[in-house]
């Protein structure tokens, strides 16, 4: 029932198209948190007193994933701005 009620509203709303939740501010906040998390991963990888082999592998994997996430966030922000 809610879908049937909401569907006409989607077509009647003037001037709004697309996903309005895709804005730059939440992505920028997420990018800041990603960078902070990546710095903590670097700490655990390089500056921690005792680092096991498994810690090194997991931290390196985490850094690669954080880097990929940051790149995709920058691309998404650039797409939203233009």
N, C-alpha and C. Protein backbone atom coordinates (compact mmCIF):
# COMPACT_ATOMS: atom_id res chain seq x y z
N UNK A 1 0.79 -1.20 0.00
CA UNK A 1 0.00 0.00 0.00
C UNK A 1 0.84 1.27 0.00
N UNK A 2 1.95 1.37 0.80
CA UNK A 2 2.75 2.59 0.79
C UNK A 2 3.36 2.88 -0.57
N UNK A 3 3.70 1.85 -1.34
CA UNK A 3 4.27 2.08 -2.66
C UNK A 3 3.24 2.69 -3.58
N UNK A 4 2.02 2.21 -3.53
CA UNK A 4 0.96 2.76 -4.37
C UNK A 4 0.66 4.21 -3.98
N UNK A 5 0.80 4.54 -2.72
CA UNK A 5 0.54 5.90 -2.27
C UNK A 5 1.69 6.83 -2.66
N UNK A 6 2.91 6.34 -2.64
CA UNK A 6 4.09 7.16 -2.88
C UNK A 6 4.37 7.36 -4.37
N UNK A 7 3.98 6.44 -5.20
CA UNK A 7 4.28 6.53 -6.63
C UNK A 7 3.75 7.78 -7.31
N UNK A 8 2.50 8.19 -7.09
CA UNK A 8 2.04 9.44 -7.72
C UNK A 8 2.81 10.66 -7.24
N UNK A 9 3.29 10.65 -6.02
CA UNK A 9 4.06 11.79 -5.51
C UNK A 9 5.38 11.95 -6.24
N UNK A 10 5.94 10.85 -6.70
CA UNK A 10 7.20 10.91 -7.42
C UNK A 10 7.05 11.63 -8.75
N UNK A 11 5.92 11.45 -9.39
CA UNK A 11 5.70 12.08 -10.70
C UNK A 11 5.15 13.50 -10.57
N UNK A 12 4.58 13.84 -9.44
CA UNK A 12 3.97 15.16 -9.28
C UNK A 12 4.91 16.20 -8.69
N UNK A 13 6.05 15.78 -8.15
CA UNK A 13 6.94 16.75 -7.51
C UNK A 13 7.64 17.60 -8.56
N UNK A 14 7.45 18.91 -8.52
CA UNK A 14 8.01 19.78 -9.55
C UNK A 14 9.50 20.07 -9.30
N UNK A 15 10.30 19.93 -10.33
CA UNK A 15 11.68 20.38 -10.28
C UNK A 15 12.67 19.51 -9.55
N UNK A 16 12.29 18.37 -9.05
CA UNK A 16 13.25 17.51 -8.37
C UNK A 16 13.39 16.22 -9.14
N UNK A 17 14.60 15.94 -9.55
CA UNK A 17 14.88 14.70 -10.27
C UNK A 17 16.15 14.10 -9.70
N UNK A 18 16.23 12.81 -9.75
CA UNK A 18 17.42 12.13 -9.29
C UNK A 18 17.41 11.88 -7.79
N UNK A 19 18.51 11.34 -7.31
CA UNK A 19 18.66 11.01 -5.90
C UNK A 19 19.15 12.25 -5.16
N UNK A 20 18.31 12.84 -4.34
CA UNK A 20 18.67 14.06 -3.64
C UNK A 20 19.61 13.82 -2.47
N UNK A 21 19.84 12.57 -2.10
CA UNK A 21 20.78 12.29 -1.01
C UNK A 21 22.22 12.28 -1.49
N UNK A 22 22.43 12.32 -2.78
CA UNK A 22 23.79 12.34 -3.32
C UNK A 22 24.31 13.77 -3.34
N UNK A 23 24.82 14.21 -2.20
CA UNK A 23 25.37 15.55 -2.09
C UNK A 23 26.83 15.46 -1.69
N UNK A 24 27.52 16.58 -1.80
CA UNK A 24 28.96 16.59 -1.55
C UNK A 24 29.30 16.50 -0.07
N UNK A 25 28.49 17.10 0.80
CA UNK A 25 28.83 17.17 2.22
C UNK A 25 28.95 15.79 2.89
N UNK A 26 28.00 14.86 2.73
CA UNK A 26 28.20 13.55 3.36
C UNK A 26 29.40 12.79 2.80
N UNK A 27 29.65 12.95 1.51
CA UNK A 27 30.81 12.28 0.93
C UNK A 27 32.11 12.89 1.45
N UNK A 28 32.14 14.21 1.61
CA UNK A 28 33.34 14.86 2.15
C UNK A 28 33.58 14.43 3.59
N UNK A 29 32.52 14.33 4.38
CA UNK A 29 32.67 13.86 5.76
C UNK A 29 33.17 12.42 5.78
N UNK A 30 32.66 11.61 4.90
CA UNK A 30 33.11 10.22 4.82
C UNK A 30 34.58 10.14 4.38
N UNK A 31 34.97 11.05 3.49
CA UNK A 31 36.37 11.08 3.05
C UNK A 31 37.29 11.45 4.20
N UNK A 32 36.89 12.39 5.03
CA UNK A 32 37.69 12.77 6.20
C UNK A 32 37.82 11.60 7.16
N UNK A 33 36.73 10.89 7.39
CA UNK A 33 36.78 9.72 8.27
C UNK A 33 37.63 8.59 7.67
N UNK A 34 37.61 8.46 6.35
CA UNK A 34 38.44 7.45 5.69
C UNK A 34 39.92 7.76 5.87
N UNK A 35 40.27 9.04 5.73
CA UNK A 35 41.68 9.44 5.91
C UNK A 35 42.11 9.19 7.36
N UNK A 36 41.24 9.53 8.32
CA UNK A 36 41.57 9.29 9.72
C UNK A 36 41.75 7.80 10.00
N UNK A 37 40.90 6.99 9.43
CA UNK A 37 41.02 5.54 9.62
C UNK A 37 42.28 5.00 8.96
N UNK A 38 42.64 5.56 7.81
CA UNK A 38 43.87 5.13 7.14
C UNK A 38 45.10 5.50 7.97
N UNK A 39 45.07 6.67 8.62
CA UNK A 39 46.19 7.04 9.49
C UNK A 39 46.32 6.09 10.68
N UNK A 40 45.20 5.66 11.23
CA UNK A 40 45.26 4.67 12.30
C UNK A 40 45.80 3.33 11.80
N UNK A 41 45.47 2.98 10.57
CA UNK A 41 46.01 1.74 10.00
C UNK A 41 47.51 1.85 9.81
N UNK A 42 47.99 3.02 9.40
CA UNK A 42 49.44 3.23 9.27
C UNK A 42 50.11 3.12 10.63
N UNK A 43 49.47 3.65 11.66
CA UNK A 43 50.02 3.52 13.01
C UNK A 43 50.17 2.05 13.39
N UNK A 44 49.12 1.28 13.19
CA UNK A 44 49.18 -0.14 13.54
C UNK A 44 50.19 -0.88 12.69
N UNK A 45 50.41 -0.44 11.47
CA UNK A 45 51.34 -1.13 10.58
C UNK A 45 52.79 -0.76 10.88
N UNK A 46 53.06 0.51 11.11
CA UNK A 46 54.46 0.96 11.20
C UNK A 46 54.94 1.27 12.61
N UNK A 47 54.12 1.91 13.41
CA UNK A 47 54.61 2.47 14.66
C UNK A 47 54.21 1.71 15.89
N UNK A 48 53.47 0.64 15.75
CA UNK A 48 53.11 -0.17 16.90
C UNK A 48 54.34 -0.96 17.34
N UNK A 49 54.46 -1.20 18.64
CA UNK A 49 55.66 -1.85 19.18
C UNK A 49 55.81 -3.27 18.67
N UNK A 50 54.77 -4.06 18.76
CA UNK A 50 54.85 -5.45 18.33
C UNK A 50 53.85 -5.66 17.20
N UNK A 51 54.37 -6.01 16.02
CA UNK A 51 53.51 -6.25 14.86
C UNK A 51 53.77 -7.66 14.36
N UNK A 52 52.75 -8.46 14.33
CA UNK A 52 52.87 -9.82 13.82
C UNK A 52 52.73 -9.82 12.31
N UNK A 53 53.07 -10.95 11.70
CA UNK A 53 52.96 -11.07 10.24
C UNK A 53 51.52 -10.89 9.80
N UNK A 54 50.60 -11.50 10.53
CA UNK A 54 49.18 -11.38 10.18
C UNK A 54 48.72 -9.93 10.30
N UNK A 55 49.22 -9.20 11.32
CA UNK A 55 48.86 -7.78 11.45
C UNK A 55 49.35 -6.99 10.25
N UNK A 56 50.52 -7.30 9.77
CA UNK A 56 51.07 -6.59 8.61
C UNK A 56 50.22 -6.84 7.37
N UNK A 57 49.84 -8.08 7.17
CA UNK A 57 49.03 -8.42 5.99
C UNK A 57 47.67 -7.75 6.07
N UNK A 58 47.03 -7.84 7.21
CA UNK A 58 45.70 -7.23 7.36
C UNK A 58 45.75 -5.71 7.27
N UNK A 59 46.76 -5.09 7.85
CA UNK A 59 46.87 -3.63 7.78
C UNK A 59 47.16 -3.17 6.36
N UNK A 60 48.01 -3.91 5.64
CA UNK A 60 48.29 -3.54 4.26
C UNK A 60 47.03 -3.69 3.39
N UNK A 61 46.29 -4.74 3.61
CA UNK A 61 45.03 -4.92 2.88
C UNK A 61 44.05 -3.80 3.20
N UNK A 62 43.96 -3.44 4.46
CA UNK A 62 43.08 -2.36 4.88
C UNK A 62 43.49 -1.04 4.25
N UNK A 63 44.79 -0.78 4.16
CA UNK A 63 45.26 0.46 3.53
C UNK A 63 44.93 0.49 2.04
N UNK A 64 45.05 -0.64 1.38
CA UNK A 64 44.69 -0.69 -0.05
C UNK A 64 43.19 -0.41 -0.23
N UNK A 65 42.37 -1.01 0.62
CA UNK A 65 40.93 -0.78 0.52
C UNK A 65 40.56 0.66 0.86
N UNK A 66 41.23 1.24 1.86
CA UNK A 66 40.98 2.65 2.18
C UNK A 66 41.40 3.56 1.02
N UNK A 67 42.50 3.25 0.39
CA UNK A 67 42.93 4.03 -0.77
C UNK A 67 41.94 3.96 -1.91
N UNK A 68 41.44 2.76 -2.19
CA UNK A 68 40.43 2.60 -3.24
C UNK A 68 39.16 3.35 -2.88
N UNK A 69 38.75 3.28 -1.63
CA UNK A 69 37.55 3.99 -1.19
C UNK A 69 37.73 5.51 -1.33
N UNK A 70 38.89 6.02 -0.95
CA UNK A 70 39.15 7.46 -1.06
C UNK A 70 39.14 7.91 -2.51
N UNK A 71 39.73 7.12 -3.39
CA UNK A 71 39.73 7.47 -4.82
C UNK A 71 38.31 7.52 -5.36
N UNK A 72 37.51 6.52 -5.03
CA UNK A 72 36.13 6.48 -5.50
C UNK A 72 35.29 7.63 -4.92
N UNK A 73 35.57 8.01 -3.68
CA UNK A 73 34.85 9.13 -3.09
C UNK A 73 35.21 10.44 -3.78
N UNK A 74 36.47 10.63 -4.10
CA UNK A 74 36.90 11.85 -4.80
C UNK A 74 36.25 11.89 -6.19
N UNK A 75 36.21 10.77 -6.87
CA UNK A 75 35.57 10.71 -8.20
C UNK A 75 34.07 11.03 -8.07
N UNK A 76 33.42 10.50 -7.05
CA UNK A 76 31.99 10.76 -6.87
C UNK A 76 31.74 12.23 -6.54
N UNK A 77 32.57 12.83 -5.70
CA UNK A 77 32.42 14.26 -5.38
C UNK A 77 32.62 15.09 -6.64
N UNK A 78 33.62 14.74 -7.43
CA UNK A 78 33.86 15.49 -8.67
C UNK A 78 32.67 15.35 -9.64
N UNK A 79 32.06 14.18 -9.67
CA UNK A 79 30.90 13.98 -10.54
C UNK A 79 29.69 14.77 -10.05
N UNK A 80 29.53 14.88 -8.73
CA UNK A 80 28.40 15.63 -8.20
C UNK A 80 28.57 17.12 -8.40
N UNK A 81 29.81 17.62 -8.32
CA UNK A 81 30.05 19.05 -8.45
C UNK A 81 29.83 19.49 -9.90
N UNK A 82 30.29 18.69 -10.84
CA UNK A 82 30.16 19.09 -12.24
C UNK A 82 28.80 18.77 -12.84
